Amino acid sequence: MEEYLLAKVSPNPWGMSKNPGTPFDFGVLPPGRGILLYRARFAGATGHVDLWNGKACAGSCPAPDADKAFEVSFWQLP
């Protein structure tokens, strides 16, 4: 999914690294709507993608999973 977003949406998303296991502060995301991707080491996946409406995830965006992330990327949408 990340390769698709880089090719089709923007090759330069906002991004940050974090220590896995530390809480993720969704308040650091740029303002506005977009696509949120975080990379983590889950038992059956390497990350999670969700839609961000500017205040919260449109899907689940479970905080315990976001806390496990070691990298977060965000593509702003118009």
C-alpha atoms as a PDB file:
ATOM      1  CA  MET A   1       0.000   0.000   0.000  1.00  0.00           C
ATOM      2  CA  GLU A   2       2.816   2.402   0.813  1.00  0.00           C
ATOM      3  CA  GLU A   3       4.335   1.996  -2.658  1.00  0.00           C
ATOM      4  CA  TYR A   4       0.942   2.706  -4.223  1.00  0.00           C
ATOM      5  CA  LEU A   5       0.438   5.858  -2.137  1.00  0.00           C
ATOM      6  CA  LEU A   6       3.939   7.086  -2.971  1.00  0.00           C
ATOM      7  CA  ALA A   7       3.318   6.552  -6.688  1.00  0.00           C
ATOM      8  CA  LYS A   8      -0.299   7.724  -6.982  1.00  0.00           C
ATOM      9  CA  VAL A   9      -0.863  10.293  -4.235  1.00  0.00           C
ATOM     10  CA  SER A  10       2.489  11.923  -3.492  1.00  0.00           C
ATOM     11  CA  PRO A  11       6.117  10.832  -3.300  1.00  0.00           C
ATOM     12  CA  ASN A  12       6.629  13.192  -0.339  1.00  0.00           C
ATOM     13  CA  PRO A  13       4.235  12.488   2.513  1.00  0.00           C
ATOM     14  CA  TRP A  14       4.573  13.984   5.974  1.00  0.00           C
ATOM     15  CA  GLY A  15       6.283  11.425   8.168  1.00  0.00           C
ATOM     16  CA  MET A  16       7.899  10.715  11.481  1.00  0.00           C
ATOM     17  CA  SER A  17       9.673   7.904  13.280  1.00  0.00           C
ATOM     18  CA  LYS A  18       8.812   6.893  16.820  1.00  0.00           C
ATOM     19  CA  ASN A  19       9.810   4.334  19.385  1.00  0.00           C
ATOM     20  CA  PRO A  20       7.526   1.293  19.218  1.00  0.00           C
ATOM     21  CA  GLY A  21       5.432   0.962  22.352  1.00  0.00           C
ATOM     22  CA  THR A  22       5.267   4.703  23.033  1.00  0.00           C
ATOM     23  CA  PRO A  23       1.886   6.438  22.724  1.00  0.00           C
ATOM     24  CA  PHE A  24       1.198   8.072  19.369  1.00  0.00           C
ATOM     25  CA  ASP A  25      -0.115  11.627  19.619  1.00  0.00           C
ATOM     26  CA  PHE A  26      -2.543  12.077  16.707  1.00  0.00           C
ATOM     27  CA  GLY A  27      -2.339  15.832  17.415  1.00  0.00           C
ATOM     28  CA  VAL A  28       1.038  15.984  15.647  1.00  0.00           C
ATOM     29  CA  LEU A  29      -0.560  15.189  12.281  1.00  0.00           C
ATOM     30  CA  PRO A  30      -0.783  18.081   9.818  1.00  0.00           C
ATOM     31  CA  PRO A  31      -4.214  19.740   9.721  1.00  0.00           C
ATOM     32  CA  GLY A  32      -6.804  18.479   7.295  1.00  0.00           C
ATOM     33  CA  ARG A  33      -8.009  15.241   5.800  1.00  0.00           C
ATOM     34  CA  GLY A  34      -5.753  12.534   4.490  1.00  0.00           C
ATOM     35  CA  ILE A  35      -4.494   8.997   4.440  1.00  0.00           C
ATOM     36  CA  LEU A  36      -2.691   7.752   7.519  1.00  0.00           C
ATOM     37  CA  LEU A  37      -0.271   4.856   7.323  1.00  0.00           C
ATOM     38  CA  TYR A  38       1.688   3.474  10.195  1.00  0.00           C
ATOM     39  CA  ARG A  39       4.270   0.747  10.024  1.00  0.00           C
ATOM     40  CA  ALA A  40       4.539  -1.744  12.841  1.00  0.00           C
ATOM     41  CA  ARG A  41       5.421  -5.355  13.468  1.00  0.00           C
ATOM     42  CA  PHE A  42       2.151  -7.196  13.976  1.00  0.00           C
ATOM     43  CA  ALA A  43       1.715 -10.966  13.971  1.00  0.00           C
ATOM     44  CA  GLY A  44      -0.030 -10.953  10.579  1.00  0.00           C
ATOM     45  CA  ALA A  45       0.718  -7.551   9.053  1.00  0.00           C
ATOM     46  CA  THR A  46       3.394  -4.884   8.675  1.00  0.00           C
ATOM     47  CA  GLY A  47       1.175  -1.886   9.381  1.00  0.00           C
ATOM     48  CA  HIS A  48      -2.205  -0.236   9.079  1.00  0.00           C
ATOM     49  CA  VAL A  49      -3.821   2.292   6.722  1.00  0.00           C
ATOM     50  CA  ASP A  50      -6.795   4.466   7.618  1.00  0.00           C
ATOM     51  CA  LEU A  51      -8.547   7.643   6.503  1.00  0.00           C
ATOM     52  CA  TRP A  52      -8.119  10.714   8.697  1.00  0.00           C
ATOM     53  CA  ASN A  53     -10.935  13.308   8.715  1.00  0.00           C
ATOM     54  CA  GLY A  54      -8.862  16.006  10.412  1.00  0.00           C
ATOM     55  CA  LYS A  55      -9.940  15.031  13.922  1.00  0.00           C
ATOM     56  CA  ALA A  56     -10.185  11.256  14.044  1.00  0.00           C
ATOM     57  CA  CYS A  57      -9.847   8.141  11.950  1.00  0.00           C
ATOM     58  CA  ALA A  58     -12.746   7.263   9.708  1.00  0.00           C
ATOM     59  CA  GLY A  59     -12.127   3.585  10.486  1.00  0.00           C
ATOM     60  CA  SER A  60     -10.857   2.038  13.650  1.00  0.00           C
ATOM     61  CA  CYS A  61      -7.313   3.421  13.992  1.00  0.00           C
ATOM     62  CA  PRO A  62      -6.879   1.547  17.280  1.00  0.00           C
ATOM     63  CA  ALA A  63      -4.570   3.404  19.651  1.00  0.00           C
ATOM     64  CA  PRO A  64      -2.867   0.228  20.911  1.00  0.00           C
ATOM     65  CA  ASP A  65      -1.879  -0.593  17.331  1.00  0.00           C
ATOM     66  CA  ALA A  66      -0.760   2.981  16.601  1.00  0.00           C
ATOM     67  CA  ASP A  67       1.366   2.832  19.742  1.00  0.00           C
ATOM     68  CA  LYS A  68       3.207  -0.183  18.281  1.00  0.00           C
ATOM     69  CA  ALA A  69       4.198   1.807  15.187  1.00  0.00           C
ATOM     70  CA  PHE A  70       7.822   2.653  14.473  1.00  0.00           C
ATOM     71  CA  GLU A  71       7.000   4.950  11.537  1.00  0.00           C
ATOM     72  CA  VAL A  72       3.986   7.085  10.617  1.00  0.00           C
ATOM     73  CA  SER A  73       3.230   8.651   7.230  1.00  0.00           C
ATOM     74  CA  PHE A  74       0.418  11.018   6.249  1.00  0.00           C
ATOM     75  CA  TRP A  75      -0.759  12.075   2.796  1.00  0.00           C
ATOM     76  CA  GLN A  76      -2.963  15.192   2.868  1.00  0.00           C
ATOM     77  CA  LEU A  77      -5.991  15.165   0.598  1.00  0.00           C
ATOM     78  CA  PRO A  78      -7.713  18.215  -0.928  1.00  0.00           C
END
